[in-house]
């Protein structure tokens, strides 16, 4: 929510629904940032594992080093888990833009309704005041 958004509510109070929808939208945006950050972090972890596997390969296959083989297997296991999480993150990231769009539309509808209601209320008040002025 930026300054332009907040300026819409200088003369109109935000309803509880608008506040709730704003919070939900902010949470979706935070979730998108969190997922992108996690994706970047686990990508770095995967790179480290791949690099370590490359380092361990000669020890495992040329020297038959059991400790190196176990570490390599652990790296392979980590890579499989990371790949699984990549897919999960990608699925979640695919849905977020539509969810953000839907939440924005909900918020827009609520704001339009609120503003329209306030305009109608103000029009009624103007008519009342005009009538009072005419009577005095």
C-alpha atoms as a PDB file:
ATOM      1  CA  UNK A   1       0.000   0.000   0.000  1.00  0.00           C
ATOM      2  CA  UNK A   2       1.647   3.174  -1.157  1.00  0.00           C
ATOM      3  CA  UNK A   3       1.041   6.867  -0.535  1.00  0.00           C
ATOM      4  CA  UNK A   4      -1.373   7.189  -3.467  1.00  0.00           C
ATOM      5  CA  UNK A   5      -3.469   4.383  -2.025  1.00  0.00           C
ATOM      6  CA  UNK A   6      -3.516   5.952   1.423  1.00  0.00           C
ATOM      7  CA  UNK A   7      -4.427   9.343  -0.034  1.00  0.00           C
ATOM      8  CA  UNK A   8      -7.724   7.847  -1.201  1.00  0.00           C
ATOM      9  CA  UNK A   9      -8.749   7.605   2.430  1.00  0.00           C
ATOM     10  CA  UNK A  10      -8.046  11.127   3.611  1.00  0.00           C
ATOM     11  CA  UNK A  11     -11.756  11.930   3.692  1.00  0.00           C
ATOM     12  CA  UNK A  12     -13.161   8.445   3.934  1.00  0.00           C
ATOM     13  CA  UNK A  13     -12.562   6.041   6.760  1.00  0.00           C
ATOM     14  CA  UNK A  14     -11.411   2.545   5.833  1.00  0.00           C
ATOM     15  CA  UNK A  15     -13.948  -0.108   6.689  1.00  0.00           C
ATOM     16  CA  UNK A  16     -12.994  -3.241   8.586  1.00  0.00           C
ATOM     17  CA  UNK A  17     -13.427  -5.175   5.346  1.00  0.00           C
ATOM     18  CA  UNK A  18     -10.993  -2.903   3.505  1.00  0.00           C
ATOM     19  CA  UNK A  19      -8.472  -3.222   6.327  1.00  0.00           C
ATOM     20  CA  UNK A  20      -8.869  -7.000   6.304  1.00  0.00           C
ATOM     21  CA  UNK A  21      -8.411  -7.184   2.534  1.00  0.00           C
ATOM     22  CA  UNK A  22      -5.348  -4.935   2.716  1.00  0.00           C
ATOM     23  CA  UNK A  23      -3.802  -7.245   5.307  1.00  0.00           C
ATOM     24  CA  UNK A  24      -4.564 -10.294   3.180  1.00  0.00           C
ATOM     25  CA  UNK A  25      -3.039  -8.648   0.119  1.00  0.00           C
ATOM     26  CA  UNK A  26       0.073  -7.681   2.075  1.00  0.00           C
ATOM     27  CA  UNK A  27       0.376 -11.268   3.318  1.00  0.00           C
ATOM     28  CA  UNK A  28       0.185 -12.568  -0.255  1.00  0.00           C
ATOM     29  CA  UNK A  29       2.903 -10.147  -1.324  1.00  0.00           C
ATOM     30  CA  UNK A  30       5.058 -11.197   1.642  1.00  0.00           C
ATOM     31  CA  UNK A  31       4.500 -14.846   0.759  1.00  0.00           C
ATOM     32  CA  UNK A  32       5.645 -14.191  -2.801  1.00  0.00           C
ATOM     33  CA  UNK A  33       8.822 -12.502  -1.534  1.00  0.00           C
ATOM     34  CA  UNK A  34       9.430 -15.305   0.975  1.00  0.00           C
ATOM     35  CA  UNK A  35       9.047 -18.001  -1.673  1.00  0.00           C
ATOM     36  CA  UNK A  36      11.369 -16.211  -4.082  1.00  0.00           C
ATOM     37  CA  UNK A  37      13.922 -15.793  -1.304  1.00  0.00           C
ATOM     38  CA  UNK A  38      13.653 -19.453  -0.314  1.00  0.00           C
ATOM     39  CA  UNK A  39      14.039 -20.472  -3.960  1.00  0.00           C
ATOM     40  CA  UNK A  40      17.228 -18.440  -4.191  1.00  0.00           C
ATOM     41  CA  UNK A  41      18.563 -19.849  -0.905  1.00  0.00           C
ATOM     42  CA  UNK A  42      17.971 -23.487  -1.783  1.00  0.00           C
ATOM     43  CA  UNK A  43      19.400 -22.886  -5.231  1.00  0.00           C
ATOM     44  CA  UNK A  44      22.647 -21.873  -3.531  1.00  0.00           C
ATOM     45  CA  UNK A  45      22.464 -24.974  -1.322  1.00  0.00           C
ATOM     46  CA  UNK A  46      22.002 -27.160  -4.379  1.00  0.00           C
ATOM     47  CA  UNK A  47      25.021 -25.582  -6.041  1.00  0.00           C
ATOM     48  CA  UNK A  48      27.119 -26.303  -2.951  1.00  0.00           C
ATOM     49  CA  UNK A  49      25.970 -29.918  -2.929  1.00  0.00           C
ATOM     50  CA  UNK A  50      26.726 -30.327  -6.627  1.00  0.00           C
ATOM     51  CA  UNK A  51      30.166 -28.811  -6.138  1.00  0.00           C
ATOM     52  CA  UNK A  52      30.817 -31.125  -3.198  1.00  0.00           C
ATOM     53  CA  UNK A  53      29.755 -34.158  -5.233  1.00  0.00           C
ATOM     54  CA  UNK A  54      32.248 -33.148  -7.922  1.00  0.00           C
ATOM     55  CA  UNK A  55      34.956 -32.886  -5.273  1.00  0.00           C
ATOM     56  CA  UNK A  56      34.051 -36.271  -3.760  1.00  0.00           C
ATOM     57  CA  UNK A  57      33.762 -38.192  -7.049  1.00  0.00           C
ATOM     58  CA  UNK A  58      37.458 -39.112  -7.372  1.00  0.00           C
ATOM     59  CA  UNK A  59      37.635 -40.234  -3.731  1.00  0.00           C
ATOM     60  CA  UNK A  60      34.534 -42.389  -4.113  1.00  0.00           C
ATOM     61  CA  UNK A  61      35.264 -44.003  -7.468  1.00  0.00           C
ATOM     62  CA  UNK A  62      39.082 -44.053  -7.617  1.00  0.00           C
ATOM     63  CA  UNK A  63      39.982 -44.486  -3.954  1.00  0.00           C
ATOM     64  CA  UNK A  64      36.877 -46.366  -2.754  1.00  0.00           C
ATOM     65  CA  UNK A  65      36.658 -43.980   0.213  1.00  0.00           C
ATOM     66  CA  UNK A  66      33.644 -45.068   2.272  1.00  0.00           C
ATOM     67  CA  UNK A  67      33.376 -41.794   4.199  1.00  0.00           C
ATOM     68  CA  UNK A  68      33.381 -39.831   0.936  1.00  0.00           C
ATOM     69  CA  UNK A  69      30.716 -42.178  -0.499  1.00  0.00           C
ATOM     70  CA  UNK A  70      28.473 -41.592   2.513  1.00  0.00           C
ATOM     71  CA  UNK A  71      28.919 -37.822   2.212  1.00  0.00           C
ATOM     72  CA  UNK A  72      28.145 -38.029  -1.506  1.00  0.00           C
ATOM     73  CA  UNK A  73      24.970 -39.996  -0.798  1.00  0.00           C
ATOM     74  CA  UNK A  74      23.959 -37.358   1.748  1.00  0.00           C
ATOM     75  CA  UNK A  75      24.527 -34.635  -0.867  1.00  0.00           C
ATOM     76  CA  UNK A  76      22.444 -36.592  -3.392  1.00  0.00           C
ATOM     77  CA  UNK A  77      19.671 -36.960  -0.824  1.00  0.00           C
ATOM     78  CA  UNK A  78      19.784 -33.208  -0.136  1.00  0.00           C
ATOM     79  CA  UNK A  79      19.609 -32.460  -3.868  1.00  0.00           C
ATOM     80  CA  UNK A  80      16.532 -34.669  -4.228  1.00  0.00           C
ATOM     81  CA  UNK A  81      14.857 -32.864  -1.318  1.00  0.00           C
ATOM     82  CA  UNK A  82      15.813 -29.498  -2.802  1.00  0.00           C
ATOM     83  CA  UNK A  83      14.427 -30.511  -6.216  1.00  0.00           C
ATOM     84  CA  UNK A  84      11.179 -31.565  -4.541  1.00  0.00           C
ATOM     85  CA  UNK A  85      10.974 -28.207  -2.749  1.00  0.00           C
ATOM     86  CA  UNK A  86      11.757 -26.389  -6.018  1.00  0.00           C
ATOM     87  CA  UNK A  87       8.674 -27.967  -7.560  1.00  0.00           C
ATOM     88  CA  UNK A  88       6.523 -27.047  -4.562  1.00  0.00           C
ATOM     89  CA  UNK A  89       7.739 -23.448  -4.629  1.00  0.00           C
ATOM     90  CA  UNK A  90       7.199 -23.200  -8.376  1.00  0.00           C
ATOM     91  CA  UNK A  91       3.614 -24.458  -7.985  1.00  0.00           C
ATOM     92  CA  UNK A  92       2.949 -21.935  -5.233  1.00  0.00           C
ATOM     93  CA  UNK A  93       4.555 -19.106  -7.203  1.00  0.00           C
ATOM     94  CA  UNK A  94       2.393 -19.959 -10.219  1.00  0.00           C
ATOM     95  CA  UNK A  95      -0.785 -19.358  -8.216  1.00  0.00           C
ATOM     96  CA  UNK A  96       0.248 -16.220  -6.365  1.00  0.00           C
ATOM     97  CA  UNK A  97      -0.198 -13.706  -9.224  1.00  0.00           C
ATOM     98  CA  UNK A  98      -3.806 -14.834  -9.722  1.00  0.00           C
ATOM     99  CA  UNK A  99      -4.434 -14.772  -5.986  1.00  0.00           C
ATOM    100  CA  UNK A 100      -2.982 -11.259  -5.774  1.00  0.00           C
ATOM    101  CA  UNK A 101      -5.111 -10.170  -8.725  1.00  0.00           C
ATOM    102  CA  UNK A 102      -8.251 -11.634  -7.132  1.00  0.00           C
ATOM    103  CA  UNK A 103      -7.495  -9.984  -3.788  1.00  0.00           C
ATOM    104  CA  UNK A 104      -6.877  -6.655  -5.542  1.00  0.00           C
ATOM    105  CA  UNK A 105     -10.243  -6.960  -7.273  1.00  0.00           C
ATOM    106  CA  UNK A 106     -11.969  -7.739  -3.989  1.00  0.00           C
ATOM    107  CA  UNK A 107     -10.293  -4.741  -2.452  1.00  0.00           C
ATOM    108  CA  UNK A 108     -11.247  -2.525  -5.376  1.00  0.00           C
ATOM    109  CA  UNK A 109     -14.886  -3.630  -5.178  1.00  0.00           C
ATOM    110  CA  UNK A 110     -14.961  -2.910  -1.482  1.00  0.00           C
ATOM    111  CA  UNK A 111     -13.388   0.526  -1.931  1.00  0.00           C
ATOM    112  CA  UNK A 112     -15.754   1.428  -4.777  1.00  0.00           C
ATOM    113  CA  UNK A 113     -18.726   0.353  -2.687  1.00  0.00           C
ATOM    114  CA  UNK A 114     -17.477   2.349   0.297  1.00  0.00           C
ATOM    115  CA  UNK A 115     -16.783   5.473  -1.761  1.00  0.00           C
ATOM    116  CA  UNK A 116     -20.103   5.202  -3.583  1.00  0.00           C
ATOM    117  CA  UNK A 117     -21.913   4.814  -0.270  1.00  0.00           C
ATOM    118  CA  UNK A 118     -20.089   7.859   1.122  1.00  0.00           C
ATOM    119  CA  UNK A 119     -20.957   9.920  -1.972  1.00  0.00           C
ATOM    120  CA  UNK A 120     -24.627   9.011  -1.628  1.00  0.00           C
ATOM    121  CA  UNK A 121     -24.524   9.823   2.063  1.00  0.00           C
ATOM    122  CA  UNK A 122     -22.925  13.204   1.324  1.00  0.00           C
ATOM    123  CA  UNK A 123     -25.505  13.950  -1.378  1.00  0.00           C
ATOM    124  CA  UNK A 124     -28.297  13.298   1.116  1.00  0.00           C
ATOM    125  CA  UNK A 125     -26.581  15.565   3.630  1.00  0.00           C
ATOM    126  CA  UNK A 126     -26.224  18.319   1.005  1.00  0.00           C
ATOM    127  CA  UNK A 127     -29.936  18.099   0.246  1.00  0.00           C
ATOM    128  CA  UNK A 128     -30.749  18.307   3.943  1.00  0.00           C
ATOM    129  CA  UNK A 129     -28.526  21.342   4.350  1.00  0.00           C
ATOM    130  CA  UNK A 130     -29.962  23.018   1.247  1.00  0.00           C
ATOM    131  CA  UNK A 131     -33.444  22.461   2.642  1.00  0.00           C
ATOM    132  CA  UNK A 132     -32.398  23.939   5.982  1.00  0.00           C
ATOM    133  CA  UNK A 133     -30.883  26.941   4.250  1.00  0.00           C
ATOM    134  CA  UNK A 134     -34.077  27.529   2.276  1.00  0.00           C
ATOM    135  CA  UNK A 135     -36.149  27.342   5.432  1.00  0.00           C
ATOM    136  CA  UNK A 136     -34.117  29.922   7.296  1.00  0.00           C
END
